[in-house]
Amino acid sequence: RTQKLKIEKMTYKQRIDGRGFDETRPIEAKVGIIARADGSAMFRIGNTWAYAAVYGPRNLYPKFMQNPERGILRCNYNMMPFSSTGERVRPGGSRRSKEISLVTEKALLPVLNLDEYPNSVVDVFIELPQTEAGSRCAGICAASMALADAGLEMRDLVAAVSVGKVDDKLLVDLDYSEESYTDGNVADIPIAVMPNSGKITLLQMDGEVKKEELMKLIEMGKKVCMNIYGIQKKALKEKYQDVEM
């Protein structure tokens, strides 16, 4: 007798670390951590650590790069060698780091008022000594706090988190095991939000989702960004409360 074997498709039913699908990894934030910087911050989400230092506004040289109408923002994103959970990161710049530096600038520019600083530059250096997914979002969160710590005029902070789809599940804050999941389709969508207005300053996507799924993920991301915004504000308030004391 021929016996038929019933093969069931494996689905992503539970996150490896036990989180809910709408739950982030543990978050920690602090500002004023680099004494010689004009502003600085640390933002950790899970095992991804981002440090940001702000220098400026200061005169921009060479002069042909200056904008006589407003200041310029420059961001430099760098993952340290051996920082990644995946392959070793080569020291020095790469196409990926340049791309993330550019999207970080685009995500932060809408909240900054640089009209008062013509011919000047504000430099933001973002270093990641350890990463396990979500590095560009962690860098944006740290940079936003560092800019506020530097006393720059800002319309809002910027909070960022990754959302996405693993197999058939919609979730927030993908970790490395989820980004590299091989038993089903994966979509990773970094999103950055101005919490007070709800406006999106960054939206990228690696993978495929349906339109209705994307709209749902954006709402999930905005909700998480409001929680991150509360953590960012608390870190800034704690520093200046300590100064007053």
Protein backbone atom coordinates (compact mmCIF):
# COMPACT_ATOMS: atom_id res chain seq x y z
CA ARG A 1 0.00 0.00 0.00
CA THR A 2 1.33 3.42 -0.94
CA GLN A 3 1.41 5.72 2.04
CA LYS A 4 0.94 9.40 1.33
CA LEU A 5 2.95 11.81 3.45
CA LYS A 6 1.32 15.09 4.37
CA ILE A 7 3.89 17.87 4.42
CA GLU A 8 2.86 20.94 6.35
CA LYS A 9 4.33 24.32 5.55
CA MET A 10 6.32 25.77 8.44
CA THR A 11 5.12 29.22 9.44
CA TYR A 12 6.63 31.90 11.65
CA LYS A 13 4.44 31.49 14.71
CA GLN A 14 6.57 32.93 17.52
CA ARG A 15 9.55 35.27 17.75
CA ILE A 16 12.76 33.58 18.85
CA ASP A 17 13.34 36.01 21.74
CA GLY A 18 9.74 35.68 22.96
CA ARG A 19 8.61 39.22 22.09
CA GLY A 20 5.16 40.06 20.86
CA PHE A 21 4.92 41.00 17.19
CA ASP A 22 4.29 44.64 18.17
CA GLU A 23 7.03 44.75 20.82
CA THR A 24 10.55 46.18 20.47
CA ARG A 25 13.74 44.93 22.03
CA PRO A 26 14.84 46.72 25.26
CA ILE A 27 15.69 50.39 24.65
CA GLU A 28 18.16 52.64 26.48
CA ALA A 29 19.08 56.26 25.74
CA LYS A 30 21.41 58.89 27.19
CA VAL A 31 22.71 62.32 26.13
CA GLY A 32 25.82 64.33 26.92
CA ILE A 33 28.18 61.38 26.82
CA ILE A 34 31.09 62.94 24.85
CA ALA A 35 32.57 65.91 26.66
CA ARG A 36 34.28 67.63 23.72
CA ALA A 37 31.33 67.40 21.33
CA ASP A 38 28.80 70.23 21.06
CA GLY A 39 26.11 67.58 21.51
CA SER A 40 26.16 63.81 21.91
CA ALA A 41 23.92 60.84 22.60
CA MET A 42 23.75 57.08 22.92
CA PHE A 43 20.81 54.99 21.77
CA ARG A 44 20.60 51.23 22.29
CA ILE A 45 17.90 48.90 21.03
CA GLY A 46 18.56 45.26 21.85
CA ASN A 47 22.17 44.52 20.94
CA THR A 48 22.45 47.45 18.55
CA TRP A 49 24.35 50.41 20.02
CA ALA A 50 24.62 53.80 18.30
CA TYR A 51 26.70 56.77 19.47
CA ALA A 52 26.28 60.19 17.88
CA ALA A 53 28.41 63.33 18.24
CA VAL A 54 27.54 66.77 16.85
CA TYR A 55 30.09 69.46 16.02
CA GLY A 56 28.93 72.90 14.93
CA PRO A 57 27.53 75.07 13.59
CA ARG A 58 30.99 76.14 12.42
CA ASN A 59 32.40 77.79 9.31
CA LEU A 60 32.47 75.50 6.31
CA TYR A 61 35.67 75.16 4.31
CA PRO A 62 36.53 75.20 1.47
CA LYS A 63 34.38 78.26 0.87
CA PHE A 64 32.98 77.11 -2.47
CA MET A 65 30.95 74.52 -0.51
CA GLN A 66 29.24 77.18 1.60
CA ASN A 67 25.57 78.07 1.24
CA PRO A 68 25.07 81.83 1.84
CA GLU A 69 21.39 81.32 2.62
CA ARG A 70 21.50 78.58 5.24
CA GLY A 71 23.68 76.07 7.03
CA ILE A 72 24.52 72.58 5.77
CA LEU A 73 24.01 69.27 7.59
CA ARG A 74 26.55 66.49 7.07
CA CYS A 75 26.11 63.00 8.53
CA ASN A 76 28.73 60.29 8.69
CA TYR A 77 27.50 56.77 9.54
CA ASN A 78 30.10 54.15 10.41
CA MET A 79 29.88 50.56 11.64
CA MET A 80 33.07 49.56 13.42
CA PRO A 81 34.96 46.43 12.29
CA PHE A 82 33.62 43.27 13.96
CA SER A 83 30.52 45.19 15.13
CA SER A 84 28.07 43.24 13.00
CA THR A 85 26.32 40.01 13.93
CA GLY A 86 26.70 38.96 10.29
CA GLU A 87 29.78 39.35 8.11
CA ARG A 88 32.80 41.32 9.29
CA VAL A 89 32.60 45.01 8.44
CA ARG A 90 35.62 46.29 6.56
CA PRO A 91 37.14 49.46 8.02
CA GLY A 92 36.68 52.69 6.09
CA GLY A 93 33.83 53.97 3.97
CA SER A 94 31.61 51.77 1.82
CA ARG A 95 28.72 52.28 -0.56
CA ARG A 96 26.32 51.12 2.17
CA SER A 97 27.68 53.56 4.77
CA LYS A 98 27.49 56.43 2.26
CA GLU A 99 23.89 55.53 1.41
CA ILE A 100 22.88 55.38 5.09
CA SER A 101 24.71 58.65 5.79
CA LEU A 102 22.65 60.30 3.03
CA VAL A 103 19.28 58.91 4.15
CA THR A 104 20.11 59.94 7.73
CA GLU A 105 20.64 63.53 6.54
CA LYS A 106 17.32 63.42 4.67
CA ALA A 107 15.55 62.04 7.75
CA LEU A 108 16.90 64.77 10.05
CA LEU A 109 16.76 67.86 7.82
CA PRO A 110 12.98 68.42 8.13
CA VAL A 111 13.25 69.10 11.88
CA LEU A 112 16.26 71.45 11.71
CA ASN A 113 16.18 75.20 11.19
CA LEU A 114 19.56 76.06 9.66
CA ASP A 115 18.50 79.44 8.25
CA GLU A 116 20.31 81.23 11.08
CA TYR A 117 23.66 79.67 10.15
CA PRO A 118 24.61 80.73 6.60
CA ASN A 119 27.98 79.52 5.31
CA SER A 120 28.16 77.05 8.20
CA VAL A 121 28.11 73.29 8.62
CA VAL A 122 26.76 70.98 11.30
CA ASP A 123 28.60 67.66 11.35
CA VAL A 124 27.03 64.55 12.85
CA PHE A 125 29.22 61.50 13.39
CA ILE A 126 27.42 58.22 14.12
CA GLU A 127 29.47 55.25 15.31
CA LEU A 128 28.11 51.76 15.91
CA PRO A 129 30.40 49.52 17.99
CA GLN A 130 27.90 46.66 18.08
CA THR A 131 24.93 45.88 15.84
CA GLU A 132 22.22 43.28 15.49
CA ALA A 133 19.78 44.77 12.96
CA GLY A 134 18.10 48.17 12.98
CA SER A 135 21.39 50.07 12.87
CA ARG A 136 20.28 52.97 10.64
CA CYS A 137 17.20 53.56 12.81
CA ALA A 138 19.26 53.49 16.00
CA GLY A 139 21.70 55.95 14.41
CA ILE A 140 18.88 58.35 13.49
CA CYS A 141 17.48 58.21 17.03
CA ALA A 142 20.90 58.92 18.54
CA ALA A 143 21.65 61.72 16.06
CA SER A 144 18.31 63.41 16.74
CA MET A 145 19.02 63.49 20.48
CA ALA A 146 22.59 64.71 19.91
CA LEU A 147 21.34 67.62 17.77
CA ALA A 148 18.91 68.59 20.53
CA ASP A 149 21.71 68.28 23.09
CA ALA A 150 23.80 70.67 20.96
CA GLY A 151 21.10 73.33 21.38
CA LEU A 152 20.19 73.59 17.70
CA GLU A 153 16.77 75.01 16.88
CA MET A 154 14.53 72.04 16.08
CA ARG A 155 10.86 71.75 15.18
CA ASP A 156 10.67 68.24 16.61
CA LEU A 157 12.78 65.19 17.37
CA VAL A 158 13.01 62.25 14.96
CA ALA A 159 12.26 58.71 16.13
CA ALA A 160 12.97 55.70 13.94
CA VAL A 161 12.34 51.96 13.98
CA SER A 162 12.22 49.08 11.52
CA VAL A 163 8.95 47.31 10.76
CA GLY A 164 8.40 44.44 8.42
CA LYS A 165 6.98 41.10 7.47
CA VAL A 166 8.41 37.67 8.26
CA ASP A 167 6.57 34.89 6.44
CA ASP A 168 2.94 35.94 7.02
CA LYS A 169 3.45 37.95 10.23
CA LEU A 170 3.64 41.76 10.48
CA LEU A 171 6.02 42.90 13.21
CA VAL A 172 8.15 45.73 14.57
CA ASP A 173 11.89 45.96 15.25
CA LEU A 174 13.25 43.01 13.31
CA ASP A 175 16.34 41.37 14.81
CA TYR A 176 19.13 39.67 12.88
CA SER A 177 17.50 36.22 12.97
CA GLU A 178 14.35 37.70 11.42
CA GLU A 179 16.20 39.69 8.76
CA SER A 180 18.01 36.48 7.73
CA TYR A 181 14.94 34.20 7.99
CA THR A 182 15.04 31.67 5.14
CA ASP A 183 11.84 29.63 5.55
CA GLY A 184 9.61 32.36 4.13
CA ASN A 185 9.51 35.83 2.61
CA VAL A 186 11.01 38.73 4.57
CA ALA A 187 10.40 42.47 4.14
CA ASP A 188 12.36 45.03 6.17
CA ILE A 189 11.03 48.60 6.26
CA PRO A 190 12.96 51.31 8.16
CA ILE A 191 10.70 54.23 9.07
CA ALA A 192 11.47 57.59 10.73
CA VAL A 193 8.77 59.89 12.09
CA MET A 194 8.39 63.41 13.47
CA PRO A 195 6.28 62.42 16.50
CA ASN A 196 4.43 65.69 17.09
CA SER A 197 3.19 66.03 13.51
CA GLY A 198 3.18 62.35 12.54
CA LYS A 199 5.02 63.20 9.32
CA ILE A 200 7.36 60.56 7.90
CA THR A 201 10.94 61.61 7.11
CA LEU A 202 12.25 58.20 6.07
CA LEU A 203 10.56 55.21 4.46
CA GLN A 204 12.60 52.50 2.77
CA MET A 205 11.75 48.92 1.90
CA ASP A 206 13.76 45.79 1.28
CA GLY A 207 11.35 43.06 0.20
CA GLU A 208 7.72 42.97 -0.86
CA VAL A 209 4.45 43.61 0.98
CA LYS A 210 0.93 44.35 -0.16
CA LYS A 211 -0.39 47.91 -0.05
CA GLU A 212 -2.76 47.20 2.86
CA GLU A 213 0.08 45.49 4.75
CA LEU A 214 2.35 48.49 4.23
CA MET A 215 -0.31 50.87 5.57
CA LYS A 216 -0.73 48.65 8.64
CA LEU A 217 3.04 48.50 9.17
CA ILE A 218 3.31 52.29 8.94
CA GLU A 219 0.71 52.65 11.69
CA MET A 220 2.54 50.07 13.82
CA GLY A 221 5.80 51.96 13.24
CA LYS A 222 4.27 55.32 14.18
CA LYS A 223 2.96 53.86 17.43
CA VAL A 224 6.39 52.50 18.37
CA CYS A 225 8.05 55.79 17.39
CA MET A 226 5.84 57.60 19.90
CA ASN A 227 7.18 55.30 22.61
CA ILE A 228 10.75 55.92 21.44
CA TYR A 229 10.04 59.67 21.45
CA GLY A 230 9.10 59.41 25.13
CA ILE A 231 12.43 57.69 25.86
CA GLN A 232 14.34 60.35 23.91
CA LYS A 233 12.62 63.19 25.78
CA LYS A 234 13.25 61.52 29.14
CA ALA A 235 16.99 61.21 28.37
CA LEU A 236 17.21 64.91 27.48
CA LYS A 237 15.25 66.00 30.55
CA GLU A 238 17.38 63.87 32.86
CA LYS A 239 20.59 65.56 31.70
CA TYR A 240 19.31 69.07 32.27
CA GLN A 241 17.70 68.18 35.58
CA ASP A 242 21.12 67.01 36.74
CA VAL A 243 22.64 70.31 35.54
CA GLU A 244 20.05 72.34 37.48
CA MET A 245 20.76 70.38 40.63
